[in-house]
Amino acid sequence: MDIEEIAAEIIRCRKCDLHLERRKPVPGEGPEDAKVIFVGEAPGKEEDRVGRPFIGRAGGLLTDSLREAGLRREDVFITNVVKCRPPDNRNPRRDEISSCIPYLERQITAIDPEVICLLGRVALQALLKETTVSKVHGKVIQRDRTYMPMYHPAAVLRNPELRTVMIEDMRRLRRFLSDSNSRKD
């Protein structure tokens, strides 16, 4: 199954109550052969309006941070754990995560990235069962796949002191990808 087929399923999804208030589901976007997948928690207001991930203020910061680290948004796949916006921008509930996580797992399998960047606590807990971003951000974690947790851009907007941390984590990601490519040659 390819990314477009999974996206079509997400658009039709009615597995949890989030579909009742959503404007547009947000399956994710990026190339099917991306080396990196960025996973956030859930769409925000702008994302729900347009149907694209990380296009609000946090998305602008993510795009800027990628650029500062020498990466391009067009080269990565960006998605969320939950594909529809929770009411009042609250964190997704466990049942909502349980409903959506199979879509994310199938996206990961279809893309088969070199690394999965987990943006924030919700993504970290959903995929790795880790609880604290501050203890694991910027580290390569090898489990069933390769993961690199990072602060969520929204957290950086709330705490601007984390901006340099986020950029350094992006640079670590770039070095990891360069080292990975060197090992393949």
Protein backbone atom coordinates (compact mmCIF):
# COMPACT_ATOMS: atom_id res chain seq x y z
CA MET A 1 0.00 0.00 0.00
CA ASP A 2 1.35 3.43 -0.88
CA ILE A 3 1.11 6.77 0.89
CA GLU A 4 -1.75 8.04 -1.29
CA GLU A 5 -3.89 4.98 -0.51
CA ILE A 6 -3.25 5.42 3.22
CA ALA A 7 -4.13 9.13 2.93
CA ALA A 8 -7.41 8.24 1.20
CA GLU A 9 -8.27 5.91 4.12
CA ILE A 10 -7.45 8.64 6.63
CA ILE A 11 -9.73 11.08 4.81
CA ARG A 12 -12.63 8.60 5.08
CA CYS A 13 -11.84 7.56 8.68
CA ARG A 14 -14.59 7.54 11.32
CA LYS A 15 -12.82 5.40 13.96
CA CYS A 16 -13.01 7.98 16.74
CA ASP A 17 -15.03 11.08 17.57
CA LEU A 18 -12.41 13.50 16.22
CA HIS A 19 -13.96 13.17 12.76
CA LEU A 20 -17.14 14.82 14.06
CA GLU A 21 -15.58 18.28 14.46
CA ARG A 22 -12.73 18.25 11.98
CA ARG A 23 -12.75 20.39 8.92
CA LYS A 24 -10.07 18.47 7.06
CA PRO A 25 -8.10 15.43 8.16
CA VAL A 26 -4.34 15.85 7.86
CA PRO A 27 -2.72 12.63 6.59
CA GLY A 28 0.74 14.14 6.15
CA GLU A 29 2.88 15.22 3.25
CA GLY A 30 6.24 14.61 1.71
CA PRO A 31 7.97 12.23 -0.65
CA GLU A 32 7.28 8.52 -0.41
CA ASP A 33 11.03 7.87 -0.41
CA ALA A 34 11.85 10.36 2.37
CA LYS A 35 14.83 9.48 4.52
CA VAL A 36 13.24 11.27 7.47
CA ILE A 37 9.73 11.32 8.90
CA PHE A 38 8.78 14.04 11.39
CA VAL A 39 5.90 13.06 13.67
CA GLY A 40 4.04 15.64 15.75
CA GLU A 41 1.04 15.12 18.00
CA ALA A 42 -2.03 16.39 16.11
CA PRO A 43 -3.11 19.04 13.61
CA GLY A 44 -3.68 22.56 14.89
CA LYS A 45 -6.21 25.16 13.78
CA GLU A 46 -4.49 26.12 10.52
CA GLU A 47 -3.71 22.52 9.65
CA ASP A 48 -7.37 21.57 10.21
CA ARG A 49 -8.48 24.42 7.98
CA VAL A 50 -6.12 23.57 5.10
CA GLY A 51 -5.48 19.82 5.50
CA ARG A 52 -1.67 20.09 5.59
CA PRO A 53 0.67 19.39 8.54
CA PHE A 54 2.75 22.00 10.34
CA ILE A 55 1.71 25.11 8.41
CA GLY A 56 0.94 27.41 11.33
CA ARG A 57 3.51 29.21 13.49
CA ALA A 58 5.00 25.93 14.73
CA GLY A 59 5.27 24.74 11.13
CA GLY A 60 7.09 27.90 10.14
CA LEU A 61 9.57 27.30 12.93
CA LEU A 62 10.01 23.67 11.85
CA THR A 63 10.67 24.76 8.26
CA ASP A 64 13.15 27.44 9.40
CA SER A 65 14.95 24.96 11.68
CA LEU A 66 15.24 22.44 8.87
CA ARG A 67 16.70 25.12 6.61
CA GLU A 68 19.20 26.25 9.27
CA ALA A 69 20.38 22.65 9.55
CA GLY A 70 20.77 22.33 5.78
CA LEU A 71 17.64 20.23 5.26
CA ARG A 72 14.61 20.98 3.09
CA ARG A 73 10.97 20.52 4.01
CA GLU A 74 10.34 19.09 0.52
CA ASP A 75 12.72 16.21 1.27
CA VAL A 76 11.10 14.99 4.50
CA PHE A 77 7.71 13.46 5.29
CA ILE A 78 5.74 15.35 7.95
CA THR A 79 2.76 13.90 9.78
CA ASN A 80 1.17 13.53 13.20
CA VAL A 81 0.22 10.72 15.55
CA VAL A 82 -3.43 11.80 15.32
CA LYS A 83 -4.70 12.88 11.91
CA CYS A 84 -7.62 15.12 13.03
CA ARG A 85 -7.57 18.17 15.28
CA PRO A 86 -8.67 17.57 18.87
CA PRO A 87 -11.20 20.15 20.16
CA ASP A 88 -9.73 23.27 21.75
CA ASN A 89 -6.27 22.08 20.70
CA ARG A 90 -6.12 19.65 23.63
CA ASN A 91 -3.75 16.69 23.66
CA PRO A 92 -5.09 13.62 21.91
CA ARG A 93 -6.69 11.03 24.20
CA ARG A 94 -5.48 7.43 24.35
CA ASP A 95 -8.46 6.12 22.41
CA GLU A 96 -7.82 8.68 19.65
CA ILE A 97 -4.16 7.73 19.50
CA SER A 98 -5.11 4.03 19.40
CA SER A 99 -7.44 4.72 16.48
CA CYS A 100 -4.83 6.62 14.47
CA ILE A 101 -1.57 4.84 15.30
CA PRO A 102 -2.14 2.06 12.72
CA TYR A 103 -2.19 4.73 9.98
CA LEU A 104 1.10 6.15 11.22
CA GLU A 105 2.65 2.68 11.43
CA ARG A 106 1.57 1.96 7.86
CA GLN A 107 2.99 5.30 6.69
CA ILE A 108 6.30 4.45 8.35
CA THR A 109 6.34 1.01 6.73
CA ALA A 110 5.50 2.43 3.29
CA ILE A 111 8.19 5.12 3.46
CA ASP A 112 10.80 3.04 5.32
CA PRO A 113 12.81 6.08 6.48
CA GLU A 114 16.33 6.06 7.86
CA VAL A 115 15.16 7.96 10.94
CA ILE A 116 11.88 8.99 12.57
CA CYS A 117 11.98 12.33 14.40
CA LEU A 118 9.48 12.45 17.22
CA LEU A 119 8.39 16.02 17.89
CA GLY A 120 7.30 16.34 21.50
CA ARG A 121 5.99 14.21 24.33
CA VAL A 122 2.85 12.85 22.64
CA ALA A 123 4.77 11.40 19.68
CA LEU A 124 7.52 10.16 21.99
CA GLN A 125 5.06 8.34 24.23
CA ALA A 126 2.98 6.99 21.35
CA LEU A 127 5.91 5.36 19.56
CA LEU A 128 8.57 4.74 22.20
CA LYS A 129 6.71 4.83 25.52
CA GLU A 130 9.33 7.32 26.77
CA THR A 131 7.99 10.17 28.86
CA THR A 132 10.44 13.06 28.90
CA VAL A 133 11.73 14.81 25.80
CA SER A 134 14.28 16.74 27.85
CA LYS A 135 16.14 13.50 28.69
CA VAL A 136 16.27 12.03 25.19
CA HIS A 137 16.11 14.90 22.67
CA GLY A 138 18.76 14.82 19.97
CA LYS A 139 19.76 11.24 20.78
CA VAL A 140 19.57 8.40 18.31
CA ILE A 141 17.42 5.64 19.78
CA GLN A 142 17.54 2.27 18.11
CA ARG A 143 14.48 0.06 18.60
CA ASP A 144 12.47 -1.56 15.82
CA ARG A 145 13.59 1.46 13.79
CA THR A 146 15.86 4.45 14.31
CA TYR A 147 14.32 7.36 16.21
CA MET A 148 15.46 10.83 17.20
CA PRO A 149 13.23 12.69 19.67
CA MET A 150 13.14 16.48 19.51
CA TYR A 151 11.23 19.28 21.16
CA HIS A 152 7.96 20.12 19.44
CA PRO A 153 8.17 23.48 17.64
CA ALA A 154 5.16 24.72 19.66
CA ALA A 155 7.18 24.14 22.86
CA VAL A 156 10.00 26.18 21.35
CA LEU A 157 7.56 28.99 20.56
CA ARG A 158 6.45 28.98 24.21
CA ASN A 159 10.06 28.78 25.46
CA PRO A 160 12.38 30.59 22.99
CA GLU A 161 15.46 29.41 24.92
CA LEU A 162 14.85 25.99 23.34
CA ARG A 163 15.40 27.35 19.82
CA THR A 164 19.16 26.77 19.90
CA VAL A 165 18.51 23.26 21.27
CA MET A 166 16.11 22.54 18.42
CA ILE A 167 18.56 23.78 15.80
CA GLU A 168 21.40 21.74 17.31
CA ASP A 169 19.15 18.65 17.31
CA MET A 170 18.42 19.29 13.61
CA ARG A 171 22.15 19.52 12.97
CA ARG A 172 22.62 16.21 14.80
CA LEU A 173 20.00 14.76 12.49
CA ARG A 174 21.87 16.04 9.45
CA ARG A 175 25.16 14.58 10.75
CA PHE A 176 23.43 11.26 11.42
CA LEU A 177 22.10 11.20 7.85
CA SER A 178 25.54 12.10 6.45
CA ASP A 179 27.20 9.40 8.54
CA SER A 180 24.52 6.90 7.48
CA ASN A 181 25.12 7.70 3.81
CA SER A 182 28.90 7.34 4.32
CA ARG A 183 28.41 3.87 5.84
CA LYS A 184 26.36 2.81 2.79
CA ASP A 185 29.06 3.87 0.29
